[in-house]
Amino acid sequence: LFTRTITPRLQRTMMADFRRAQKRLFFLDYDGVLMPLSRKTNYVPPTTKLIKLLNKLCADSRNTVVVISGRPKSDLDGWFDHGPLALVAEHGAFWREPGRKSWHSLIDRAPGGWQQRILPILEKYAALTPGAFVEQKQESLVWHYAQAKPYYAQKYLIILKRTLRPLVKRLKLQAQSGHMILEVRPAGIDKGTAAQHWLAAKPDCIIAIGDDYTDEDTFAVMPADAYSIKVGRAHTAAGYRLKNVCEVHNLLEKLAKA
């Protein structure tokens, strides 16, 4: 698949399609798309400017805006309160409709005891890798190594993946690498599965923007005429590309005024 950089000419075509549409749908990743990634901290709250921009998009009744993130529910609730956005947490494990307080789960089973099996292994290798730490979410575990020395991080990441492989298979889990993380979560939970809930409404203009491996699941379920946009240079199934968060904000500002 050839991924095209969004040139001014392409942007004009997108704007024309967007203006014609009566039912528009946005899927927006959070880290690396709406806010820049940070190597120093995992806590990156939205700016006032970003919240105003998202609220402006939501103010148009033709627009449905879904922030589709790997963040836990507590982060998204704290940052966006019970506002006009639809929210997806933990890469698709949970979703919430605009203006609602209650979250829905994509997992229709009792929580398994898999975390107790995986957590000690992740903690063991975090202890061997100064600067690494483990984040425990409701339905996933994340081994962070952005602040670790690259030599140790890469050494133990390889060993960790090899150690987890048979256990992940046996417990019906998935282990995936992202931006300076290794994440373990149940198989079948992904952003693409969560996105189907809103795609069922058959919108006539879809804009999906993401920057990492989890967003490839979103891109994979997009119809052919959707504007799927990768942020950054990595390989992607998306049809279009933007360089960075600043370009994303510029595009969203123009769409909010359309």
C-alpha atoms as a PDB file:
ATOM      1  CA  LEU A   1       0.000   0.000   0.000  1.00  0.00           C
ATOM      2  CA  PHE A   2       1.354   3.404  -0.997  1.00  0.00           C
ATOM      3  CA  THR A   3       1.067   5.983   1.777  1.00  0.00           C
ATOM      4  CA  ARG A   4       0.831   9.580   0.568  1.00  0.00           C
ATOM      5  CA  THR A   5       1.982  12.663   2.427  1.00  0.00           C
ATOM      6  CA  ILE A   6      -0.916  15.076   2.881  1.00  0.00           C
ATOM      7  CA  THR A   7      -0.006  17.916   0.531  1.00  0.00           C
ATOM      8  CA  PRO A   8      -2.021  21.173   0.290  1.00  0.00           C
ATOM      9  CA  ARG A   9      -3.742  19.731  -2.789  1.00  0.00           C
ATOM     10  CA  LEU A  10      -4.730  16.531  -0.978  1.00  0.00           C
ATOM     11  CA  GLN A  11      -5.881  18.593   1.979  1.00  0.00           C
ATOM     12  CA  ARG A  12      -8.233  20.571  -0.275  1.00  0.00           C
ATOM     13  CA  THR A  13      -9.752  17.314  -1.541  1.00  0.00           C
ATOM     14  CA  MET A  14     -10.204  16.114   2.041  1.00  0.00           C
ATOM     15  CA  MET A  15     -11.820  19.410   3.063  1.00  0.00           C
ATOM     16  CA  ALA A  16     -14.267  19.214   0.147  1.00  0.00           C
ATOM     17  CA  ASP A  17     -15.266  15.644   1.114  1.00  0.00           C
ATOM     18  CA  PHE A  18     -15.593  16.711   4.730  1.00  0.00           C
ATOM     19  CA  ARG A  19     -17.832  19.690   3.931  1.00  0.00           C
ATOM     20  CA  ARG A  20     -20.171  17.539   1.819  1.00  0.00           C
ATOM     21  CA  ALA A  21     -20.541  14.876   4.529  1.00  0.00           C
ATOM     22  CA  GLN A  22     -23.528  14.891   6.876  1.00  0.00           C
ATOM     23  CA  LYS A  23     -22.210  12.194   9.233  1.00  0.00           C
ATOM     24  CA  ARG A  24     -18.515  12.516  10.072  1.00  0.00           C
ATOM     25  CA  LEU A  25     -16.449  10.298  12.357  1.00  0.00           C
ATOM     26  CA  PHE A  26     -13.021  10.959  13.873  1.00  0.00           C
ATOM     27  CA  PHE A  27     -10.796   8.328  15.501  1.00  0.00           C
ATOM     28  CA  LEU A  28      -7.914  10.122  17.245  1.00  0.00           C
ATOM     29  CA  ASP A  29      -5.139   8.424  19.182  1.00  0.00           C
ATOM     30  CA  TYR A  30      -3.899  10.432  22.171  1.00  0.00           C
ATOM     31  CA  ASP A  31      -0.139  10.003  22.767  1.00  0.00           C
ATOM     32  CA  GLY A  32       1.896  10.955  19.708  1.00  0.00           C
ATOM     33  CA  VAL A  33      -1.175  12.320  17.901  1.00  0.00           C
ATOM     34  CA  LEU A  34      -3.062  14.790  20.113  1.00  0.00           C
ATOM     35  CA  MET A  35      -0.149  15.285  22.528  1.00  0.00           C
ATOM     36  CA  PRO A  36       3.588  14.776  21.947  1.00  0.00           C
ATOM     37  CA  LEU A  37       5.250  11.701  23.417  1.00  0.00           C
ATOM     38  CA  SER A  38       7.442  12.298  26.454  1.00  0.00           C
ATOM     39  CA  ARG A  39      10.518  10.262  27.417  1.00  0.00           C
ATOM     40  CA  LYS A  40      10.573  11.730  30.937  1.00  0.00           C
ATOM     41  CA  THR A  41       7.032  11.146  32.171  1.00  0.00           C
ATOM     42  CA  ASN A  42       4.048   8.963  31.448  1.00  0.00           C
ATOM     43  CA  TYR A  43       1.692  11.742  32.592  1.00  0.00           C
ATOM     44  CA  VAL A  44       0.990  14.051  29.644  1.00  0.00           C
ATOM     45  CA  PRO A  45      -2.317  15.883  30.219  1.00  0.00           C
ATOM     46  CA  PRO A  46      -4.025  17.756  27.367  1.00  0.00           C
ATOM     47  CA  THR A  47      -3.418  21.486  27.021  1.00  0.00           C
ATOM     48  CA  THR A  48      -6.283  23.975  27.318  1.00  0.00           C
ATOM     49  CA  LYS A  49      -5.789  24.701  23.614  1.00  0.00           C
ATOM     50  CA  LEU A  50      -6.269  21.033  22.706  1.00  0.00           C
ATOM     51  CA  ILE A  51      -9.436  20.707  24.805  1.00  0.00           C
ATOM     52  CA  LYS A  52     -10.866  23.823  23.129  1.00  0.00           C
ATOM     53  CA  LEU A  53     -10.050  22.386  19.695  1.00  0.00           C
ATOM     54  CA  LEU A  54     -11.724  19.040  20.474  1.00  0.00           C
ATOM     55  CA  ASN A  55     -14.771  20.791  21.941  1.00  0.00           C
ATOM     56  CA  LYS A  56     -15.007  22.906  18.793  1.00  0.00           C
ATOM     57  CA  LEU A  57     -15.061  19.780  16.628  1.00  0.00           C
ATOM     58  CA  CYS A  58     -17.709  18.212  18.878  1.00  0.00           C
ATOM     59  CA  ALA A  59     -19.866  21.359  18.730  1.00  0.00           C
ATOM     60  CA  ASP A  60     -20.832  20.492  15.128  1.00  0.00           C
ATOM     61  CA  SER A  61     -23.689  17.958  15.348  1.00  0.00           C
ATOM     62  CA  ARG A  62     -22.423  16.228  12.202  1.00  0.00           C
ATOM     63  CA  ASN A  63     -19.197  15.235  13.967  1.00  0.00           C
ATOM     64  CA  THR A  64     -18.563  12.289  16.288  1.00  0.00           C
ATOM     65  CA  VAL A  65     -15.085  12.466  17.856  1.00  0.00           C
ATOM     66  CA  VAL A  66     -13.603   9.332  19.428  1.00  0.00           C
ATOM     67  CA  VAL A  67     -10.338   9.564  21.380  1.00  0.00           C
ATOM     68  CA  ILE A  68      -9.081   5.999  21.042  1.00  0.00           C
ATOM     69  CA  SER A  69      -6.166   5.484  23.423  1.00  0.00           C
ATOM     70  CA  GLY A  70      -4.087   2.997  25.346  1.00  0.00           C
ATOM     71  CA  ARG A  71      -4.511   5.137  28.450  1.00  0.00           C
ATOM     72  CA  PRO A  72      -6.443   3.755  31.433  1.00  0.00           C
ATOM     73  CA  LYS A  73      -9.994   4.950  32.078  1.00  0.00           C
ATOM     74  CA  SER A  74      -8.836   7.047  35.047  1.00  0.00           C
ATOM     75  CA  ASP A  75      -6.552   9.198  32.848  1.00  0.00           C
ATOM     76  CA  LEU A  76      -9.214   9.821  30.207  1.00  0.00           C
ATOM     77  CA  ASP A  77     -11.939  10.500  32.798  1.00  0.00           C
ATOM     78  CA  GLY A  78      -9.671  12.927  34.638  1.00  0.00           C
ATOM     79  CA  TRP A  79      -8.639  14.815  31.519  1.00  0.00           C
ATOM     80  CA  PHE A  80     -11.890  14.913  29.558  1.00  0.00           C
ATOM     81  CA  ASP A  81     -14.404  14.640  32.433  1.00  0.00           C
ATOM     82  CA  HIS A  82     -17.874  13.829  31.082  1.00  0.00           C
ATOM     83  CA  GLY A  83     -17.557  16.036  28.030  1.00  0.00           C
ATOM     84  CA  PRO A  84     -18.638  15.704  24.405  1.00  0.00           C
ATOM     85  CA  LEU A  85     -16.002  13.166  23.360  1.00  0.00           C
ATOM     86  CA  ALA A  86     -16.463   9.423  22.949  1.00  0.00           C
ATOM     87  CA  LEU A  87     -13.575   7.642  24.671  1.00  0.00           C
ATOM     88  CA  VAL A  88     -11.804   4.305  24.254  1.00  0.00           C
ATOM     89  CA  ALA A  89      -9.379   3.177  26.981  1.00  0.00           C
ATOM     90  CA  GLU A  90      -6.706   0.460  27.159  1.00  0.00           C
ATOM     91  CA  HIS A  91      -6.520   0.017  23.372  1.00  0.00           C
ATOM     92  CA  GLY A  92     -10.132  -1.092  23.078  1.00  0.00           C
ATOM     93  CA  ALA A  93     -10.839  -2.891  26.352  1.00  0.00           C
ATOM     94  CA  PHE A  94     -13.300  -0.184  27.444  1.00  0.00           C
ATOM     95  CA  TRP A  95     -15.399   2.493  25.711  1.00  0.00           C
ATOM     96  CA  ARG A  96     -17.646   5.341  26.768  1.00  0.00           C
ATOM     97  CA  GLU A  97     -20.267   7.350  24.890  1.00  0.00           C
ATOM     98  CA  PRO A  98     -20.120  11.192  24.815  1.00  0.00           C
ATOM     99  CA  GLY A  99     -21.425  12.854  27.973  1.00  0.00           C
ATOM    100  CA  ARG A 100     -21.818   9.568  29.848  1.00  0.00           C
ATOM    101  CA  LYS A 101     -20.152   8.502  33.088  1.00  0.00           C
ATOM    102  CA  SER A 102     -20.417   4.747  32.626  1.00  0.00           C
ATOM    103  CA  TRP A 103     -17.878   2.664  30.732  1.00  0.00           C
ATOM    104  CA  HIS A 104     -18.651  -0.458  28.696  1.00  0.00           C
ATOM    105  CA  SER A 105     -16.304  -3.427  28.499  1.00  0.00           C
ATOM    106  CA  LEU A 106     -15.422  -5.367  25.372  1.00  0.00           C
ATOM    107  CA  ILE A 107     -14.557  -8.311  27.589  1.00  0.00           C
ATOM    108  CA  ASP A 108     -17.649 -10.413  28.202  1.00  0.00           C
ATOM    109  CA  ARG A 109     -15.996 -12.789  30.656  1.00  0.00           C
ATOM    110  CA  ALA A 110     -14.902 -12.689  34.267  1.00  0.00           C
ATOM    111  CA  PRO A 111     -11.394 -11.235  34.624  1.00  0.00           C
ATOM    112  CA  GLY A 112      -8.781 -13.990  34.463  1.00  0.00           C
ATOM    113  CA  GLY A 113      -5.854 -14.422  36.815  1.00  0.00           C
ATOM    114  CA  TRP A 114      -3.317 -13.928  34.039  1.00  0.00           C
ATOM    115  CA  GLN A 115      -1.860 -10.727  35.507  1.00  0.00           C
ATOM    116  CA  GLN A 116      -0.623 -12.574  38.599  1.00  0.00           C
ATOM    117  CA  ARG A 117       1.295 -14.901  36.279  1.00  0.00           C
ATOM    118  CA  ILE A 118       2.800 -12.180  34.069  1.00  0.00           C
ATOM    119  CA  LEU A 119       3.417  -9.332  36.554  1.00  0.00           C
ATOM    120  CA  PRO A 120       6.319 -10.985  38.479  1.00  0.00           C
ATOM    121  CA  ILE A 121       8.142 -11.652  35.192  1.00  0.00           C
ATOM    122  CA  LEU A 122       7.810  -8.026  34.037  1.00  0.00           C
ATOM    123  CA  GLU A 123       8.859  -6.765  37.484  1.00  0.00           C
ATOM    124  CA  LYS A 124      11.895  -9.052  37.500  1.00  0.00           C
ATOM    125  CA  TYR A 125      13.213  -7.581  34.249  1.00  0.00           C
ATOM    126  CA  ALA A 126      12.294  -4.027  35.280  1.00  0.00           C
ATOM    127  CA  ALA A 127      14.491  -4.509  38.357  1.00  0.00           C
ATOM    128  CA  LEU A 128      17.351  -5.677  36.116  1.00  0.00           C
ATOM    129  CA  THR A 129      16.892  -2.626  33.857  1.00  0.00           C
ATOM    130  CA  PRO A 130      17.499   0.627  35.806  1.00  0.00           C
ATOM    131  CA  GLY A 131      14.919   3.212  34.701  1.00  0.00           C
ATOM    132  CA  ALA A 132      12.351   0.638  33.558  1.00  0.00           C
ATOM    133  CA  PHE A 133       9.029   0.215  35.353  1.00  0.00           C
ATOM    134  CA  VAL A 134       5.777  -1.728  35.081  1.00  0.00           C
ATOM    135  CA  GLU A 135       2.373  -0.072  34.696  1.00  0.00           C
ATOM    136  CA  GLN A 136      -0.592  -2.177  35.791  1.00  0.00           C
ATOM    137  CA  LYS A 137      -3.916  -1.379  34.116  1.00  0.00           C
ATOM    138  CA  GLN A 138      -7.250  -3.133  34.541  1.00  0.00           C
ATOM    139  CA  GLU A 139      -6.852  -5.295  31.444  1.00  0.00           C
ATOM    140  CA  SER A 140      -3.180  -4.947  30.509  1.00  0.00           C
ATOM    141  CA  LEU A 141       0.368  -4.768  31.836  1.00  0.00           C
ATOM    142  CA  VAL A 142       2.967  -2.441  30.311  1.00  0.00           C
ATOM    143  CA  TRP A 143       6.758  -2.680  30.662  1.00  0.00           C
ATOM    144  CA  HIS A 144       8.108   0.871  30.096  1.00  0.00           C
ATOM    145  CA  TYR A 145      11.781   1.396  29.228  1.00  0.00           C
ATOM    146  CA  ALA A 146      11.993   4.953  27.801  1.00  0.00           C
ATOM    147  CA  GLN A 147      14.092   6.123  30.755  1.00  0.00           C
ATOM    148  CA  ALA A 148      16.390   3.079  30.802  1.00  0.00           C
ATOM    149  CA  LYS A 149      19.873   2.944  29.270  1.00  0.00           C
ATOM    150  CA  PRO A 150      19.500   1.617  25.698  1.00  0.00           C
ATOM    151  CA  TYR A 151      21.991  -1.243  26.179  1.00  0.00           C
ATOM    152  CA  TYR A 152      20.149  -2.745  29.148  1.00  0.00           C
ATOM    153  CA  ALA A 153      16.716  -1.974  27.720  1.00  0.00           C
ATOM    154  CA  GLN A 154      17.405  -3.817  24.451  1.00  0.00           C
ATOM    155  CA  LYS A 155      19.206  -6.694  26.175  1.00  0.00           C
ATOM    156  CA  TYR A 156      16.386  -7.436  28.604  1.00  0.00           C
ATOM    157  CA  LEU A 157      13.605  -6.657  26.132  1.00  0.00           C
ATOM    158  CA  ILE A 158      14.837  -9.526  23.945  1.00  0.00           C
ATOM    159  CA  ILE A 159      15.066 -11.888  26.932  1.00  0.00           C
ATOM    160  CA  LEU A 160      11.672 -10.763  28.231  1.00  0.00           C
ATOM    161  CA  LYS A 161       9.941 -11.405  24.904  1.00  0.00           C
ATOM    162  CA  ARG A 162      11.501 -14.874  24.701  1.00  0.00           C
ATOM    163  CA  THR A 163      10.482 -15.658  28.296  1.00  0.00           C
ATOM    164  CA  LEU A 164       6.892 -14.496  27.778  1.00  0.00           C
ATOM    165  CA  ARG A 165       6.265 -16.195  24.429  1.00  0.00           C
ATOM    166  CA  PRO A 166       5.087 -19.667  25.634  1.00  0.00           C
ATOM    167  CA  LEU A 167       3.095 -18.203  28.550  1.00  0.00           C
ATOM    168  CA  VAL A 168       1.362 -15.627  26.343  1.00  0.00           C
ATOM    169  CA  LYS A 169       0.320 -18.373  23.936  1.00  0.00           C
ATOM    170  CA  ARG A 170      -0.967 -20.659  26.690  1.00  0.00           C
ATOM    171  CA  LEU A 171      -2.968 -17.908  28.430  1.00  0.00           C
ATOM    172  CA  LYS A 172      -4.463 -16.541  25.151  1.00  0.00           C
ATOM    173  CA  LEU A 173      -2.728 -13.172  25.490  1.00  0.00           C
ATOM    174  CA  GLN A 174      -0.865 -10.883  23.089  1.00  0.00           C
ATOM    175  CA  ALA A 175       2.482  -9.191  23.729  1.00  0.00           C
ATOM    176  CA  GLN A 176       3.211  -6.207  21.482  1.00  0.00           C
ATOM    177  CA  SER A 177       6.013  -3.655  21.286  1.00  0.00           C
ATOM    178  CA  GLY A 178       5.231   0.057  20.977  1.00  0.00           C
ATOM    179  CA  HIS A 179       7.031   3.345  21.664  1.00  0.00           C
ATOM    180  CA  MET A 180       9.554   2.239  24.320  1.00  0.00           C
ATOM    181  CA  ILE A 181       7.050  -0.229  25.781  1.00  0.00           C
ATOM    182  CA  LEU A 182       6.128  -3.891  25.759  1.00  0.00           C
ATOM    183  CA  GLU A 183       2.428  -4.431  26.447  1.00  0.00           C
ATOM    184  CA  VAL A 184       0.659  -7.645  27.408  1.00  0.00           C
ATOM    185  CA  ARG A 185      -3.142  -7.882  27.165  1.00  0.00           C
ATOM    186  CA  PRO A 186      -5.826 -10.462  26.296  1.00  0.00           C
ATOM    187  CA  ALA A 187      -5.993 -11.550  22.662  1.00  0.00           C
ATOM    188  CA  GLY A 188      -8.894 -10.040  20.729  1.00  0.00           C
ATOM    189  CA  ILE A 189      -8.761  -6.662  22.444  1.00  0.00           C
ATOM    190  CA  ASP A 190      -7.674  -3.974  20.014  1.00  0.00           C
ATOM    191  CA  LYS A 191      -8.647  -0.555  18.690  1.00  0.00           C
ATOM    192  CA  GLY A 192     -10.061  -2.009  15.496  1.00  0.00           C
ATOM    193  CA  THR A 193     -12.597  -4.099  17.401  1.00  0.00           C
ATOM    194  CA  ALA A 194     -13.610  -1.043  19.456  1.00  0.00           C
ATOM    195  CA  ALA A 195     -13.917   1.126  16.334  1.00  0.00           C
ATOM    196  CA  GLN A 196     -16.593  -1.188  14.891  1.00  0.00           C
ATOM    197  CA  HIS A 197     -19.092   0.201  17.423  1.00  0.00           C
ATOM    198  CA  TRP A 198     -19.049   3.630  15.722  1.00  0.00           C
ATOM    199  CA  LEU A 199     -18.503   2.350  12.180  1.00  0.00           C
ATOM    200  CA  ALA A 200     -21.859   0.572  12.436  1.00  0.00           C
ATOM    201  CA  ALA A 201     -23.562   3.988  12.087  1.00  0.00           C
ATOM    202  CA  LYS A 202     -22.251   4.142   8.464  1.00  0.00           C
ATOM    203  CA  PRO A 203     -20.620   7.620   8.537  1.00  0.00           C
ATOM    204  CA  ASP A 204     -19.984   9.222   5.147  1.00  0.00           C
ATOM    205  CA  CYS A 205     -16.609  10.755   6.084  1.00  0.00           C
ATOM    206  CA  ILE A 206     -14.094   9.045   8.380  1.00  0.00           C
ATOM    207  CA  ILE A 207     -10.769  10.481   9.550  1.00  0.00           C
ATOM    208  CA  ALA A 208      -8.602   8.111  11.620  1.00  0.00           C
ATOM    209  CA  ILE A 209      -5.245   9.367  12.927  1.00  0.00           C
ATOM    210  CA  GLY A 210      -2.676   7.279  14.794  1.00  0.00           C
ATOM    211  CA  ASP A 211       1.054   6.930  15.286  1.00  0.00           C
ATOM    212  CA  ASP A 212       1.935   3.472  16.603  1.00  0.00           C
ATOM    213  CA  TYR A 213       1.370  -0.271  16.186  1.00  0.00           C
ATOM    214  CA  THR A 214      -1.989  -0.261  18.038  1.00  0.00           C
ATOM    215  CA  ASP A 215      -3.414   2.197  15.512  1.00  0.00           C
ATOM    216  CA  GLU A 216      -2.727  -0.246  12.686  1.00  0.00           C
ATOM    217  CA  ASP A 217      -5.705  -2.230  14.040  1.00  0.00           C
ATOM    218  CA  THR A 218      -7.859   0.888  13.563  1.00  0.00           C
ATOM    219  CA  PHE A 219      -6.553   1.431  10.035  1.00  0.00           C
ATOM    220  CA  ALA A 220      -7.208  -2.234   9.168  1.00  0.00           C
ATOM    221  CA  VAL A 221     -10.993  -1.910   9.682  1.00  0.00           C
ATOM    222  CA  MET A 222     -11.428   1.407   7.869  1.00  0.00           C
ATOM    223  CA  PRO A 223     -13.493   1.398   4.651  1.00  0.00           C
ATOM    224  CA  ALA A 224     -11.628   2.160   1.422  1.00  0.00           C
ATOM    225  CA  ASP A 225     -12.792   5.777   1.258  1.00  0.00           C
ATOM    226  CA  ALA A 226     -11.714   6.656   4.833  1.00  0.00           C
ATOM    227  CA  TYR A 227      -8.851   9.061   5.470  1.00  0.00           C
ATOM    228  CA  SER A 228      -6.501   6.895   7.553  1.00  0.00           C
ATOM    229  CA  ILE A 229      -3.482   8.974   8.594  1.00  0.00           C
ATOM    230  CA  LYS A 230      -0.183   7.823  10.095  1.00  0.00           C
ATOM    231  CA  VAL A 231       1.801  10.328  12.172  1.00  0.00           C
ATOM    232  CA  GLY A 232       5.535   9.825  11.720  1.00  0.00           C
ATOM    233  CA  ARG A 233       7.705   7.780   9.400  1.00  0.00           C
ATOM    234  CA  ALA A 234       7.095   4.159  10.411  1.00  0.00           C
ATOM    235  CA  HIS A 235       5.650   1.574   8.010  1.00  0.00           C
ATOM    236  CA  THR A 236       1.853   1.631   7.964  1.00  0.00           C
ATOM    237  CA  ALA A 237      -1.361   0.411   6.376  1.00  0.00           C
ATOM    238  CA  ALA A 238      -2.701   3.988   6.482  1.00  0.00           C
ATOM    239  CA  GLY A 239      -3.334   5.747   3.199  1.00  0.00           C
ATOM    240  CA  TYR A 240      -1.923   9.116   4.258  1.00  0.00           C
ATOM    241  CA  ARG A 241       0.827  10.572   6.411  1.00  0.00           C
ATOM    242  CA  LEU A 242       1.527  13.626   8.584  1.00  0.00           C
ATOM    243  CA  LYS A 243       4.892  14.469  10.156  1.00  0.00           C
ATOM    244  CA  ASN A 244       4.027  15.318  13.750  1.00  0.00           C
ATOM    245  CA  VAL A 245       1.522  16.474  16.380  1.00  0.00           C
ATOM    246  CA  CYS A 246       1.747  20.066  15.161  1.00  0.00           C
ATOM    247  CA  GLU A 247       0.565  19.033  11.679  1.00  0.00           C
ATOM    248  CA  VAL A 248      -2.289  17.043  13.245  1.00  0.00           C
ATOM    249  CA  HIS A 249      -3.435  20.110  15.201  1.00  0.00           C
ATOM    250  CA  ASN A 250      -3.222  22.292  12.087  1.00  0.00           C
ATOM    251  CA  LEU A 251      -5.395  19.842  10.136  1.00  0.00           C
ATOM    252  CA  LEU A 252      -7.967  19.543  12.946  1.00  0.00           C
ATOM    253  CA  GLU A 253      -8.133  23.347  13.269  1.00  0.00           C
ATOM    254  CA  LYS A 254      -8.980  23.633   9.563  1.00  0.00           C
ATOM    255  CA  LEU A 255     -11.622  20.894   9.832  1.00  0.00           C
ATOM    256  CA  ALA A 256     -13.147  22.595  12.883  1.00  0.00           C
ATOM    257  CA  LYS A 257     -13.608  25.753  10.792  1.00  0.00           C
ATOM    258  CA  ALA A 258     -14.952  23.938   7.708  1.00  0.00           C
END
